[in-house]
Amino acid sequence: MIIYNKRIPYSKVVENDKASNCILEIISSGQSGASLRYYEAVCYNKKLLTNNKNVVNFPFYNPDYIRIFEKSEDIDWDWVKERIPVDYHYDGRFSPTHLIDKIIELEEEKEKQQNAEKETP
């Protein structure tokens, strides 16, 4: 178990994630979207233990690799410790290059719409 009581560089977080069997995600109440822990688990093919019930709606959700808990008594420690091959079949969609492509696509759509509005009498 790793307990952090001071900030660590993100590169160290990634190093720890890559060396781990299972990533723990604890989101704040009211949060329902994907967190960095979710993205890291998918990108590095790691199991994810989370309190985010909405994870079942995320694109790479797989109950073999992602478990949800409400309280510590809910946690299946045998599952956490078990080393299994994990493969989310990640397709690269979280890559920053895709973000740039999406921005360009949105800008092109906006420009087309503006041009269409100019042509409409």
PDB file of N, CA and C in Angstrom:
ATOM      1  N   MET A   1       0.855  -1.179   0.000  1.00  0.00           N
ATOM      2  CA  MET A   1       0.000   0.000   0.000  1.00  0.00           C
ATOM      3  C   MET A   1       0.899   1.240   0.000  1.00  0.00           C
ATOM      4  N   ILE A   2       0.530   2.208  -0.793  1.00  0.00           N
ATOM      5  CA  ILE A   2       1.277   3.450  -0.867  1.00  0.00           C
ATOM      6  C   ILE A   2       0.415   4.556  -0.284  1.00  0.00           C
ATOM      7  N   ILE A   3       0.970   5.314   0.642  1.00  0.00           N
ATOM      8  CA  ILE A   3       0.262   6.451   1.228  1.00  0.00           C
ATOM      9  C   ILE A   3       1.072   7.701   0.905  1.00  0.00           C
ATOM     10  N   TYR A   4       0.393   8.655   0.277  1.00  0.00           N
ATOM     11  CA  TYR A   4       1.055   9.905  -0.079  1.00  0.00           C
ATOM     12  C   TYR A   4       0.636  10.997   0.897  1.00  0.00           C
ATOM     13  N   ASN A   5       1.610  11.664   1.468  1.00  0.00           N
ATOM     14  CA  ASN A   5       1.285  12.810   2.307  1.00  0.00           C
ATOM     15  C   ASN A   5       1.983  14.061   1.800  1.00  0.00           C
ATOM     16  N   LYS A   6       2.518  13.967   0.597  1.00  0.00           N
ATOM     17  CA  LYS A   6       3.097  15.129  -0.078  1.00  0.00           C
ATOM     18  C   LYS A   6       2.918  14.940  -1.576  1.00  0.00           C
ATOM     19  N   ARG A   7       3.011  16.035  -2.289  1.00  0.00           N
ATOM     20  CA  ARG A   7       2.848  15.971  -3.747  1.00  0.00           C
ATOM     21  C   ARG A   7       4.019  15.203  -4.360  1.00  0.00           C
ATOM     22  N   ILE A   8       3.683  14.451  -5.408  1.00  0.00           N
ATOM     23  CA  ILE A   8       4.719  13.755  -6.163  1.00  0.00           C
ATOM     24  C   ILE A   8       4.549  14.113  -7.628  1.00  0.00           C
ATOM     25  N   PRO A   9       5.634  14.073  -8.382  1.00  0.00           N
ATOM     26  CA  PRO A   9       5.524  14.401  -9.812  1.00  0.00           C
ATOM     27  C   PRO A   9       4.630  13.379 -10.524  1.00  0.00           C
ATOM     28  N   TYR A  10       3.909  13.857 -11.542  1.00  0.00           N
ATOM     29  CA  TYR A  10       3.014  12.969 -12.276  1.00  0.00           C
ATOM     30  C   TYR A  10       3.785  11.813 -12.908  1.00  0.00           C
ATOM     31  N   SER A  11       5.015  12.046 -13.296  1.00  0.00           N
ATOM     32  CA  SER A  11       5.821  10.966 -13.876  1.00  0.00           C
ATOM     33  C   SER A  11       5.983   9.817 -12.881  1.00  0.00           C
ATOM     34  N   LYS A  12       6.066  10.124 -11.600  1.00  0.00           N
ATOM     35  CA  LYS A  12       6.165   9.098 -10.551  1.00  0.00           C
ATOM     36  C   LYS A  12       4.818   8.380 -10.393  1.00  0.00           C
ATOM     37  N   VAL A  13       3.718   9.104 -10.513  1.00  0.00           N
ATOM     38  CA  VAL A  13       2.384   8.493 -10.452  1.00  0.00           C
ATOM     39  C   VAL A  13       2.262   7.464 -11.577  1.00  0.00           C
ATOM     40  N   VAL A  14       2.653   7.840 -12.776  1.00  0.00           N
ATOM     41  CA  VAL A  14       2.569   6.940 -13.928  1.00  0.00           C
ATOM     42  C   VAL A  14       3.478   5.730 -13.713  1.00  0.00           C
ATOM     43  N   GLU A  15       4.661   5.969 -13.193  1.00  0.00           N
ATOM     44  CA  GLU A  15       5.586   4.867 -12.901  1.00  0.00           C
ATOM     45  C   GLU A  15       4.952   3.879 -11.916  1.00  0.00           C
ATOM     46  N   ASN A  16       4.326   4.403 -10.873  1.00  0.00           N
ATOM     47  CA  ASN A  16       3.647   3.542  -9.892  1.00  0.00           C
ATOM     48  C   ASN A  16       2.471   2.805 -10.522  1.00  0.00           C
ATOM     49  N   ASP A  17       1.697   3.506 -11.368  1.00  0.00           N
ATOM     50  CA  ASP A  17       0.566   2.873 -12.047  1.00  0.00           C
ATOM     51  C   ASP A  17       1.035   1.694 -12.902  1.00  0.00           C
ATOM     52  N   LYS A  18       2.070   1.923 -13.672  1.00  0.00           N
ATOM     53  CA  LYS A  18       2.576   0.876 -14.565  1.00  0.00           C
ATOM     54  C   LYS A  18       3.070  -0.338 -13.790  1.00  0.00           C
ATOM     55  N   ALA A  19       3.592  -0.121 -12.587  1.00  0.00           N
ATOM     56  CA  ALA A  19       4.109  -1.223 -11.773  1.00  0.00           C
ATOM     57  C   ALA A  19       3.022  -1.912 -10.952  1.00  0.00           C
ATOM     58  N   SER A  20       1.836  -1.331 -10.911  1.00  0.00           N
ATOM     59  CA  SER A  20       0.774  -1.861 -10.052  1.00  0.00           C
ATOM     60  C   SER A  20      -0.038  -2.947 -10.731  1.00  0.00           C
ATOM     61  N   ASN A  21      -0.777  -3.662  -9.918  1.00  0.00           N
ATOM     62  CA  ASN A  21      -1.723  -4.659 -10.395  1.00  0.00           C
ATOM     63  C   ASN A  21      -3.112  -4.040 -10.551  1.00  0.00           C
ATOM     64  N   CYS A  22      -3.422  -3.088  -9.688  1.00  0.00           N
ATOM     65  CA  CYS A  22      -4.751  -2.497  -9.643  1.00  0.00           C
ATOM     66  C   CYS A  22      -4.628  -1.033  -9.232  1.00  0.00           C
ATOM     67  N   ILE A  23      -5.352  -0.171  -9.907  1.00  0.00           N
ATOM     68  CA  ILE A  23      -5.350   1.262  -9.597  1.00  0.00           C
ATOM     69  C   ILE A  23      -6.591   1.579  -8.778  1.00  0.00           C
ATOM     70  N   LEU A  24      -6.407   2.324  -7.714  1.00  0.00           N
ATOM     71  CA  LEU A  24      -7.512   2.748  -6.864  1.00  0.00           C
ATOM     72  C   LEU A  24      -7.931   4.152  -7.258  1.00  0.00           C
ATOM     73  N   GLU A  25      -9.235   4.320  -7.460  1.00  0.00           N
ATOM     74  CA  GLU A  25      -9.808   5.623  -7.786  1.00  0.00           C
ATOM     75  C   GLU A  25     -10.866   5.933  -6.736  1.00  0.00           C
ATOM     76  N   ILE A  26     -10.719   7.068  -6.080  1.00  0.00           N
ATOM     77  CA  ILE A  26     -11.740   7.535  -5.155  1.00  0.00           C
ATOM     78  C   ILE A  26     -12.122   8.933  -5.601  1.00  0.00           C
ATOM     79  N   ILE A  27     -13.347   9.054  -6.105  1.00  0.00           N
ATOM     80  CA  ILE A  27     -13.803  10.346  -6.595  1.00  0.00           C
ATOM     81  C   ILE A  27     -14.551  11.079  -5.489  1.00  0.00           C
ATOM     82  N   SER A  28     -14.637  12.373  -5.627  1.00  0.00           N
ATOM     83  CA  SER A  28     -15.362  13.201  -4.672  1.00  0.00           C
ATOM     84  C   SER A  28     -16.860  13.044  -4.889  1.00  0.00           C
ATOM     85  N   SER A  29     -17.624  13.252  -3.831  1.00  0.00           N
ATOM     86  CA  SER A  29     -19.078  13.165  -3.989  1.00  0.00           C
ATOM     87  C   SER A  29     -19.524  14.219  -4.998  1.00  0.00           C
ATOM     88  N   GLY A  30     -20.455  13.841  -5.837  1.00  0.00           N
ATOM     89  CA  GLY A  30     -20.945  14.734  -6.875  1.00  0.00           C
ATOM     90  C   GLY A  30     -20.230  14.570  -8.203  1.00  0.00           C
ATOM     91  N   GLN A  31     -19.049  13.982  -8.205  1.00  0.00           N
ATOM     92  CA  GLN A  31     -18.323  13.748  -9.457  1.00  0.00           C
ATOM     93  C   GLN A  31     -18.875  12.490 -10.105  1.00  0.00           C
ATOM     94  N   SER A  32     -19.048  12.524 -11.401  1.00  0.00           N
ATOM     95  CA  SER A  32     -19.565  11.343 -12.086  1.00  0.00           C
ATOM     96  C   SER A  32     -18.809  11.035 -13.378  1.00  0.00           C
ATOM     97  N   GLY A  33     -17.980  11.963 -13.809  1.00  0.00           N
ATOM     98  CA  GLY A  33     -17.236  11.765 -15.048  1.00  0.00           C
ATOM     99  C   GLY A  33     -15.981  10.950 -14.842  1.00  0.00           C
ATOM    100  N   ALA A  34     -15.339  10.659 -15.940  1.00  0.00           N
ATOM    101  CA  ALA A  34     -14.101   9.886 -15.901  1.00  0.00           C
ATOM    102  C   ALA A  34     -12.987  10.704 -15.264  1.00  0.00           C
ATOM    103  N   SER A  35     -12.153  10.033 -14.502  1.00  0.00           N
ATOM    104  CA  SER A  35     -11.009  10.687 -13.871  1.00  0.00           C
ATOM    105  C   SER A  35      -9.726  10.217 -14.556  1.00  0.00           C
ATOM    106  N   LEU A  36      -8.623  10.822 -14.180  1.00  0.00           N
ATOM    107  CA  LEU A  36      -7.328  10.374 -14.706  1.00  0.00           C
ATOM    108  C   LEU A  36      -7.071   8.914 -14.371  1.00  0.00           C
ATOM    109  N   ARG A  37      -7.509   8.458 -13.201  1.00  0.00           N
ATOM    110  CA  ARG A  37      -7.281   7.063 -12.805  1.00  0.00           C
ATOM    111  C   ARG A  37      -7.954   6.120 -13.814  1.00  0.00           C
ATOM    112  N   TYR A  38      -9.164   6.458 -14.242  1.00  0.00           N
ATOM    113  CA  TYR A  38      -9.855   5.634 -15.238  1.00  0.00           C
ATOM    114  C   TYR A  38      -9.039   5.579 -16.534  1.00  0.00           C
ATOM    115  N   TYR A  39      -8.623   6.752 -17.019  1.00  0.00           N
ATOM    116  CA  TYR A  39      -7.853   6.800 -18.269  1.00  0.00           C
ATOM    117  C   TYR A  39      -6.540   6.028 -18.132  1.00  0.00           C
ATOM    118  N   GLU A  40      -5.874   6.176 -16.990  1.00  0.00           N
ATOM    119  CA  GLU A  40      -4.614   5.455 -16.772  1.00  0.00           C
ATOM    120  C   GLU A  40      -4.846   3.947 -16.771  1.00  0.00           C
ATOM    121  N   ALA A  41      -5.898   3.499 -16.097  1.00  0.00           N
ATOM    122  CA  ALA A  41      -6.184   2.066 -16.056  1.00  0.00           C
ATOM    123  C   ALA A  41      -6.390   1.518 -17.473  1.00  0.00           C
ATOM    124  N   VAL A  42      -7.155   2.235 -18.278  1.00  0.00           N
ATOM    125  CA  VAL A  42      -7.422   1.794 -19.649  1.00  0.00           C
ATOM    126  C   VAL A  42      -6.148   1.827 -20.491  1.00  0.00           C
ATOM    127  N   CYS A  43      -5.416   2.930 -20.434  1.00  0.00           N
ATOM    128  CA  CYS A  43      -4.225   3.079 -21.281  1.00  0.00           C
ATOM    129  C   CYS A  43      -3.114   2.109 -20.906  1.00  0.00           C
ATOM    130  N   TYR A  44      -2.993   1.788 -19.612  1.00  0.00           N
ATOM    131  CA  TYR A  44      -1.919   0.903 -19.152  1.00  0.00           C
ATOM    132  C   TYR A  44      -2.401  -0.520 -18.882  1.00  0.00           C
ATOM    133  N   ASN A  45      -3.665  -0.819 -19.243  1.00  0.00           N
ATOM    134  CA  ASN A  45      -4.225  -2.157 -19.037  1.00  0.00           C
ATOM    135  C   ASN A  45      -4.046  -2.630 -17.601  1.00  0.00           C
ATOM    136  N   LYS A  46      -4.658  -1.875 -16.688  1.00  0.00           N
ATOM    137  CA  LYS A  46      -4.626  -2.199 -15.263  1.00  0.00           C
ATOM    138  C   LYS A  46      -6.048  -2.336 -14.750  1.00  0.00           C
ATOM    139  N   LYS A  47      -6.230  -3.169 -13.740  1.00  0.00           N
ATOM    140  CA  LYS A  47      -7.544  -3.256 -13.103  1.00  0.00           C
ATOM    141  C   LYS A  47      -7.800  -1.928 -12.390  1.00  0.00           C
ATOM    142  N   LEU A  48      -9.088  -1.603 -12.247  1.00  0.00           N
ATOM    143  CA  LEU A  48      -9.484  -0.355 -11.588  1.00  0.00           C
ATOM    144  C   LEU A  48     -10.506  -0.665 -10.507  1.00  0.00           C
ATOM    145  N   LEU A  49     -10.233  -0.191  -9.320  1.00  0.00           N
ATOM    146  CA  LEU A  49     -11.158  -0.275  -8.197  1.00  0.00           C
ATOM    147  C   LEU A  49     -11.634   1.145  -7.936  1.00  0.00           C
ATOM    148  N   THR A  50     -12.936   1.379  -8.077  1.00  0.00           N
ATOM    149  CA  THR A  50     -13.451   2.747  -8.039  1.00  0.00           C
ATOM    150  C   THR A  50     -14.749   2.853  -7.252  1.00  0.00           C
ATOM    151  N   ASN A  51     -15.003   4.045  -6.754  1.00  0.00           N
ATOM    152  CA  ASN A  51     -16.298   4.324  -6.131  1.00  0.00           C
ATOM    153  C   ASN A  51     -17.208   5.098  -7.095  1.00  0.00           C
ATOM    154  N   ASN A  52     -16.815   5.194  -8.348  1.00  0.00           N
ATOM    155  CA  ASN A  52     -17.587   5.897  -9.366  1.00  0.00           C
ATOM    156  C   ASN A  52     -18.577   4.930 -10.023  1.00  0.00           C
ATOM    157  N   LYS A  53     -19.834   4.997  -9.603  1.00  0.00           N
ATOM    158  CA  LYS A  53     -20.869   4.099 -10.134  1.00  0.00           C
ATOM    159  C   LYS A  53     -21.112   4.327 -11.621  1.00  0.00           C
ATOM    160  N   ASN A  54     -20.820   5.525 -12.108  1.00  0.00           N
ATOM    161  CA  ASN A  54     -21.062   5.862 -13.511  1.00  0.00           C
ATOM    162  C   ASN A  54     -20.066   5.199 -14.462  1.00  0.00           C
ATOM    163  N   VAL A  55     -19.033   4.576 -13.930  1.00  0.00           N
ATOM    164  CA  VAL A  55     -18.012   3.945 -14.765  1.00  0.00           C
ATOM    165  C   VAL A  55     -18.625   2.884 -15.689  1.00  0.00           C
ATOM    166  N   VAL A  56     -19.764   2.337 -15.314  1.00  0.00           N
ATOM    167  CA  VAL A  56     -20.422   1.330 -16.162  1.00  0.00           C
ATOM    168  C   VAL A  56     -20.869   1.923 -17.499  1.00  0.00           C
ATOM    169  N   ASN A  57     -20.954   3.249 -17.586  1.00  0.00           N
ATOM    170  CA  ASN A  57     -21.354   3.926 -18.820  1.00  0.00           C
ATOM    171  C   ASN A  57     -20.168   4.400 -19.656  1.00  0.00           C
ATOM    172  N   PHE A  58     -18.952   4.172 -19.195  1.00  0.00           N
ATOM    173  CA  PHE A  58     -17.765   4.624 -19.912  1.00  0.00           C
ATOM    174  C   PHE A  58     -17.420   3.628 -21.014  1.00  0.00           C
ATOM    175  N   PRO A  59     -16.761   4.104 -22.064  1.00  0.00           N
ATOM    176  CA  PRO A  59     -16.568   3.265 -23.251  1.00  0.00           C
ATOM    177  C   PRO A  59     -15.781   1.973 -23.039  1.00  0.00           C
ATOM    178  N   PHE A  60     -14.859   1.921 -22.102  1.00  0.00           N
ATOM    179  CA  PHE A  60     -14.045   0.716 -21.947  1.00  0.00           C
ATOM    180  C   PHE A  60     -14.408  -0.093 -20.711  1.00  0.00           C
ATOM    181  N   TYR A  61     -15.586   0.167 -20.167  1.00  0.00           N
ATOM    182  CA  TYR A  61     -15.985  -0.569 -18.963  1.00  0.00           C
ATOM    183  C   TYR A  61     -16.017  -2.072 -19.238  1.00  0.00           C
ATOM    184  N   ASN A  62     -15.408  -2.814 -18.345  1.00  0.00           N
ATOM    185  CA  ASN A  62     -15.408  -4.266 -18.407  1.00  0.00           C
ATOM    186  C   ASN A  62     -15.437  -4.759 -16.966  1.00  0.00           C
ATOM    187  N   PRO A  63     -16.493  -5.456 -16.552  1.00  0.00           N
ATOM    188  CA  PRO A  63     -16.604  -5.879 -15.154  1.00  0.00           C
ATOM    189  C   PRO A  63     -15.507  -6.846 -14.709  1.00  0.00           C
ATOM    190  N   ASP A  64     -14.805  -7.457 -15.661  1.00  0.00           N
ATOM    191  CA  ASP A  64     -13.670  -8.313 -15.294  1.00  0.00           C
ATOM    192  C   ASP A  64     -12.485  -7.487 -14.812  1.00  0.00           C
ATOM    193  N   TYR A  65     -12.396  -6.242 -15.293  1.00  0.00           N
ATOM    194  CA  TYR A  65     -11.241  -5.394 -14.994  1.00  0.00           C
ATOM    195  C   TYR A  65     -11.574  -4.208 -14.096  1.00  0.00           C
ATOM    196  N   ILE A  66     -12.849  -3.872 -13.976  1.00  0.00           N
ATOM    197  CA  ILE A  66     -13.249  -2.696 -13.193  1.00  0.00           C
ATOM    198  C   ILE A  66     -14.280  -3.126 -12.159  1.00  0.00           C
ATOM    199  N   ARG A  67     -13.996  -2.805 -10.909  1.00  0.00           N
ATOM    200  CA  ARG A  67     -14.935  -3.115  -9.823  1.00  0.00           C
ATOM    201  C   ARG A  67     -15.318  -1.822  -9.120  1.00  0.00           C
ATOM    202  N   ILE A  68     -16.569  -1.783  -8.686  1.00  0.00           N
ATOM    203  CA  ILE A  68     -17.116  -0.601  -8.019  1.00  0.00           C
ATOM    204  C   ILE A  68     -17.383  -0.953  -6.561  1.00  0.00           C
ATOM    205  N   PHE A  69     -17.071  -0.012  -5.667  1.00  0.00           N
ATOM    206  CA  PHE A  69     -17.351  -0.210  -4.255  1.00  0.00           C
ATOM    207  C   PHE A  69     -17.980   1.047  -3.677  1.00  0.00           C
ATOM    208  N   GLU A  70     -18.789   0.875  -2.639  1.00  0.00           N
ATOM    209  CA  GLU A  70     -19.357   2.013  -1.913  1.00  0.00           C
ATOM    210  C   GLU A  70     -18.621   2.222  -0.595  1.00  0.00           C
ATOM    211  N   LYS A  71     -18.312   1.124   0.068  1.00  0.00           N
ATOM    212  CA  LYS A  71     -17.592   1.200   1.335  1.00  0.00           C
ATOM    213  C   LYS A  71     -16.511   0.126   1.340  1.00  0.00           C
ATOM    214  N   SER A  72     -15.548   0.263   2.196  1.00  0.00           N
ATOM    215  CA  SER A  72     -14.397  -0.651   2.178  1.00  0.00           C
ATOM    216  C   SER A  72     -14.809  -2.110   2.345  1.00  0.00           C
ATOM    217  N   GLU A  73     -15.911  -2.364   3.037  1.00  0.00           N
ATOM    218  CA  GLU A  73     -16.378  -3.738   3.229  1.00  0.00           C
ATOM    219  C   GLU A  73     -16.798  -4.384   1.905  1.00  0.00           C
ATOM    220  N   ASP A  74     -17.094  -3.574   0.901  1.00  0.00           N
ATOM    221  CA  ASP A  74     -17.524  -4.075  -0.411  1.00  0.00           C
ATOM    222  C   ASP A  74     -16.357  -4.598  -1.252  1.00  0.00           C
ATOM    223  N   ILE A  75     -15.145  -4.268  -0.870  1.00  0.00           N
ATOM    224  CA  ILE A  75     -13.977  -4.559  -1.715  1.00  0.00           C
ATOM    225  C   ILE A  75     -13.622  -6.043  -1.660  1.00  0.00           C
ATOM    226  N   ASP A  76     -13.482  -6.628  -2.828  1.00  0.00           N
ATOM    227  CA  ASP A  76     -13.047  -8.024  -2.962  1.00  0.00           C
ATOM    228  C   ASP A  76     -11.517  -8.008  -3.051  1.00  0.00           C
ATOM    229  N   TRP A  77     -10.893  -8.194  -1.908  1.00  0.00           N
ATOM    230  CA  TRP A  77      -9.429  -8.103  -1.848  1.00  0.00           C
ATOM    231  C   TRP A  77      -8.751  -9.204  -2.647  1.00  0.00           C
ATOM    232  N   ASP A  78      -9.393 -10.351  -2.769  1.00  0.00           N
ATOM    233  CA  ASP A  78      -8.819 -11.418  -3.597  1.00  0.00           C
ATOM    234  C   ASP A  78      -8.744 -10.965  -5.049  1.00  0.00           C
ATOM    235  N   TRP A  79      -9.801 -10.277  -5.523  1.00  0.00           N
ATOM    236  CA  TRP A  79      -9.794  -9.749  -6.890  1.00  0.00           C
ATOM    237  C   TRP A  79      -8.693  -8.705  -7.053  1.00  0.00           C
ATOM    238  N   VAL A  80      -8.537  -7.834  -6.070  1.00  0.00           N
ATOM    239  CA  VAL A  80      -7.508  -6.792  -6.137  1.00  0.00           C
ATOM    240  C   VAL A  80      -6.124  -7.428  -6.260  1.00  0.00           C
ATOM    241  N   LYS A  81      -5.867  -8.459  -5.486  1.00  0.00           N
ATOM    242  CA  LYS A  81      -4.545  -9.101  -5.458  1.00  0.00           C
ATOM    243  C   LYS A  81      -4.290 -10.008  -6.656  1.00  0.00           C
ATOM    244  N   GLU A  82      -5.359 -10.560  -7.210  1.00  0.00           N
ATOM    245  CA  GLU A  82      -5.207 -11.505  -8.313  1.00  0.00           C
ATOM    246  C   GLU A  82      -4.572 -10.848  -9.533  1.00  0.00           C
ATOM    247  N   ARG A  83      -3.562 -11.483 -10.053  1.00  0.00           N
ATOM    248  CA  ARG A  83      -2.883 -10.970 -11.249  1.00  0.00           C
ATOM    249  C   ARG A  83      -3.457 -11.695 -12.467  1.00  0.00           C
ATOM    250  N   ILE A  84      -4.162 -10.933 -13.282  1.00  0.00           N
ATOM    251  CA  ILE A  84      -4.766 -11.485 -14.491  1.00  0.00           C
ATOM    252  C   ILE A  84      -4.345 -10.634 -15.677  1.00  0.00           C
ATOM    253  N   PRO A  85      -4.346 -11.214 -16.869  1.00  0.00           N
ATOM    254  CA  PRO A  85      -4.076 -10.387 -18.050  1.00  0.00           C
ATOM    255  C   PRO A  85      -5.244  -9.415 -18.264  1.00  0.00           C
ATOM    256  N   VAL A  86      -4.931  -8.149 -18.421  1.00  0.00           N
ATOM    257  CA  VAL A  86      -5.946  -7.112 -18.631  1.00  0.00           C
ATOM    258  C   VAL A  86      -5.740  -6.524 -20.016  1.00  0.00           C
ATOM    259  N   ASP A  87      -6.807  -6.468 -20.791  1.00  0.00           N
ATOM    260  CA  ASP A  87      -6.715  -5.871 -22.126  1.00  0.00           C
ATOM    261  C   ASP A  87      -8.046  -5.195 -22.449  1.00  0.00           C
ATOM    262  N   TYR A  88      -8.055  -3.885 -22.368  1.00  0.00           N
ATOM    263  CA  TYR A  88      -9.258  -3.111 -22.676  1.00  0.00           C
ATOM    264  C   TYR A  88      -9.442  -2.931 -24.186  1.00  0.00           C
ATOM    265  N   HIS A  89      -8.481  -3.381 -24.966  1.00  0.00           N
ATOM    266  CA  HIS A  89      -8.495  -3.172 -26.416  1.00  0.00           C
ATOM    267  C   HIS A  89      -8.564  -1.674 -26.710  1.00  0.00           C
ATOM    268  N   TYR A  90      -7.751  -0.941 -25.970  1.00  0.00           N
ATOM    269  CA  TYR A  90      -7.683   0.517 -26.105  1.00  0.00           C
ATOM    270  C   TYR A  90      -7.265   0.887 -27.516  1.00  0.00           C
ATOM    271  N   ASP A  91      -7.983   1.815 -28.105  1.00  0.00           N
ATOM    272  CA  ASP A  91      -7.771   2.185 -29.503  1.00  0.00           C
ATOM    273  C   ASP A  91      -7.082   3.532 -29.703  1.00  0.00           C
ATOM    274  N   GLY A  92      -6.557   4.108 -28.636  1.00  0.00           N
ATOM    275  CA  GLY A  92      -5.829   5.366 -28.769  1.00  0.00           C
ATOM    276  C   GLY A  92      -6.693   6.606 -28.725  1.00  0.00           C
ATOM    277  N   ARG A  93      -7.976   6.478 -28.476  1.00  0.00           N
ATOM    278  CA  ARG A  93      -8.877   7.631 -28.567  1.00  0.00           C
ATOM    279  C   ARG A  93      -8.618   8.723 -27.537  1.00  0.00           C
ATOM    280  N   PHE A  94      -7.871   8.431 -26.478  1.00  0.00           N
ATOM    281  CA  PHE A  94      -7.574   9.453 -25.474  1.00  0.00           C
ATOM    282  C   PHE A  94      -6.298  10.220 -25.793  1.00  0.00           C
ATOM    283  N   SER A  95      -5.666   9.916 -26.894  1.00  0.00           N
ATOM    284  CA  SER A  95      -4.416  10.559 -27.272  1.00  0.00           C
ATOM    285  C   SER A  95      -4.615  12.045 -27.545  1.00  0.00           C
ATOM    286  N   PRO A  96      -3.653  12.869 -27.132  1.00  0.00           N
ATOM    287  CA  PRO A  96      -3.757  14.311 -27.410  1.00  0.00           C
ATOM    288  C   PRO A  96      -3.849  14.621 -28.900  1.00  0.00           C
ATOM    289  N   THR A  97      -3.306  13.756 -29.731  1.00  0.00           N
ATOM    290  CA  THR A  97      -3.400  14.016 -31.174  1.00  0.00           C
ATOM    291  C   THR A  97      -4.846  13.964 -31.632  1.00  0.00           C
ATOM    292  N   HIS A  98      -5.652  13.128 -31.005  1.00  0.00           N
ATOM    293  CA  HIS A  98      -7.072  13.069 -31.352  1.00  0.00           C
ATOM    294  C   HIS A  98      -7.794  14.331 -30.899  1.00  0.00           C
ATOM    295  N   LEU A  99      -7.336  14.903 -29.802  1.00  0.00           N
ATOM    296  CA  LEU A  99      -7.918  16.156 -29.329  1.00  0.00           C
ATOM    297  C   LEU A  99      -7.667  17.256 -30.358  1.00  0.00           C
ATOM    298  N   ILE A 100      -6.469  17.310 -30.871  1.00  0.00           N
ATOM    299  CA  ILE A 100      -6.136  18.309 -31.897  1.00  0.00           C
ATOM    300  C   ILE A 100      -6.995  18.080 -33.140  1.00  0.00           C
ATOM    301  N   ASP A 101      -7.126  16.817 -33.553  1.00  0.00           N
ATOM    302  CA  ASP A 101      -7.973  16.489 -34.709  1.00  0.00           C
ATOM    303  C   ASP A 101      -9.415  16.934 -34.468  1.00  0.00           C
ATOM    304  N   LYS A 102      -9.916  16.719 -33.251  1.00  0.00           N
ATOM    305  CA  LYS A 102     -11.293  17.095 -32.913  1.00  0.00           C
ATOM    306  C   LYS A 102     -11.462  18.615 -32.962  1.00  0.00           C
ATOM    307  N   ILE A 103     -10.483  19.338 -32.454  1.00  0.00           N
ATOM    308  CA  ILE A 103     -10.539  20.807 -32.492  1.00  0.00           C
ATOM    309  C   ILE A 103     -10.593  21.289 -33.941  1.00  0.00           C
ATOM    310  N   ILE A 104      -9.760  20.729 -34.787  1.00  0.00           N
ATOM    311  CA  ILE A 104      -9.740  21.101 -36.210  1.00  0.00           C
ATOM    312  C   ILE A 104     -11.090  20.776 -36.848  1.00  0.00           C
ATOM    313  N   GLU A 105     -11.620  19.597 -36.553  1.00  0.00           N
ATOM    314  CA  GLU A 105     -12.919  19.196 -37.098  1.00  0.00           C
ATOM    315  C   GLU A 105     -14.022  20.166 -36.669  1.00  0.00           C
ATOM    316  N   LEU A 106     -14.042  20.537 -35.398  1.00  0.00           N
ATOM    317  CA  LEU A 106     -15.054  21.465 -34.899  1.00  0.00           C
ATOM    318  C   LEU A 106     -14.916  22.844 -35.534  1.00  0.00           C
ATOM    319  N   GLU A 107     -13.689  23.296 -35.715  1.00  0.00           N
ATOM    320  CA  GLU A 107     -13.449  24.585 -36.361  1.00  0.00           C
ATOM    321  C   GLU A 107     -13.924  24.562 -37.814  1.00  0.00           C
ATOM    322  N   GLU A 108     -13.669  23.466 -38.511  1.00  0.00           N
ATOM    323  CA  GLU A 108     -14.114  23.343 -39.900  1.00  0.00           C
ATOM    324  C   GLU A 108     -15.640  23.336 -39.986  1.00  0.00           C
ATOM    325  N   GLU A 109     -16.285  22.624 -39.063  1.00  0.00           N
ATOM    326  CA  GLU A 109     -17.753  22.600 -39.029  1.00  0.00           C
ATOM    327  C   GLU A 109     -18.305  23.994 -38.755  1.00  0.00           C
ATOM    328  N   LYS A 110     -17.684  24.694 -37.833  1.00  0.00           N
ATOM    329  CA  LYS A 110     -18.116  26.054 -37.488  1.00  0.00           C
ATOM    330  C   LYS A 110     -17.980  26.971 -38.704  1.00  0.00           C
ATOM    331  N   GLU A 111     -16.867  26.847 -39.409  1.00  0.00           N
ATOM    332  CA  GLU A 111     -16.639  27.671 -40.593  1.00  0.00           C
ATOM    333  C   GLU A 111     -17.667  27.363 -41.686  1.00  0.00           C
ATOM    334  N   LYS A 112     -17.974  26.085 -41.905  1.00  0.00           N
ATOM    335  CA  LYS A 112     -18.979  25.698 -42.897  1.00  0.00           C
ATOM    336  C   LYS A 112     -20.346  26.276 -42.532  1.00  0.00           C
ATOM    337  N   GLN A 113     -20.676  26.197 -41.259  1.00  0.00           N
ATOM    338  CA  GLN A 113     -21.968  26.710 -40.797  1.00  0.00           C
ATOM    339  C   GLN A 113     -22.041  28.226 -40.996  1.00  0.00           C
ATOM    340  N   GLN A 114     -20.960  28.926 -40.687  1.00  0.00           N
ATOM    341  CA  GLN A 114     -20.936  30.375 -40.866  1.00  0.00           C
ATOM    342  C   GLN A 114     -21.058  30.736 -42.340  1.00  0.00           C
ATOM    343  N   ASN A 115     -20.387  29.987 -43.199  1.00  0.00           N
ATOM    344  CA  ASN A 115     -20.476  30.235 -44.634  1.00  0.00           C
ATOM    345  C   ASN A 115     -21.881  29.961 -45.154  1.00  0.00           C
ATOM    346  N   ALA A 116     -22.513  28.911 -44.639  1.00  0.00           N
ATOM    347  CA  ALA A 116     -23.884  28.580 -45.052  1.00  0.00           C
ATOM    348  C   ALA A 116     -24.850  29.687 -44.613  1.00  0.00           C
ATOM    349  N   GLU A 117     -24.635  30.228 -43.433  1.00  0.00           N
ATOM    350  CA  GLU A 117     -25.491  31.305 -42.914  1.00  0.00           C
ATOM    351  C   GLU A 117     -25.324  32.572 -43.761  1.00  0.00           C
ATOM    352  N   LYS A 118     -24.121  32.827 -44.239  1.00  0.00           N
ATOM    353  CA  LYS A 118     -23.865  34.007 -45.077  1.00  0.00           C
ATOM    354  C   LYS A 118     -24.573  33.877 -46.426  1.00  0.00           C
ATOM    355  N   GLU A 119     -24.665  32.644 -46.944  1.00  0.00           N
ATOM    356  CA  GLU A 119     -25.279  32.394 -48.246  1.00  0.00           C
ATOM    357  C   GLU A 119     -26.802  32.385 -48.181  1.00  0.00           C
ATOM    358  N   THR A 120     -27.346  32.148 -47.004  1.00  0.00           N
ATOM    359  CA  THR A 120     -28.803  32.114 -46.846  1.00  0.00           C
ATOM    360  C   THR A 120     -29.356  33.529 -46.779  1.00  0.00           C
ATOM    361  N   PRO A 121     -30.338  33.839 -47.677  1.00  0.00           N
ATOM    362  CA  PRO A 121     -30.867  35.211 -47.695  1.00  0.00           C
ATOM    363  C   PRO A 121     -31.785  35.483 -46.508  1.00  0.00           C
TER     364      PRO A 121
END
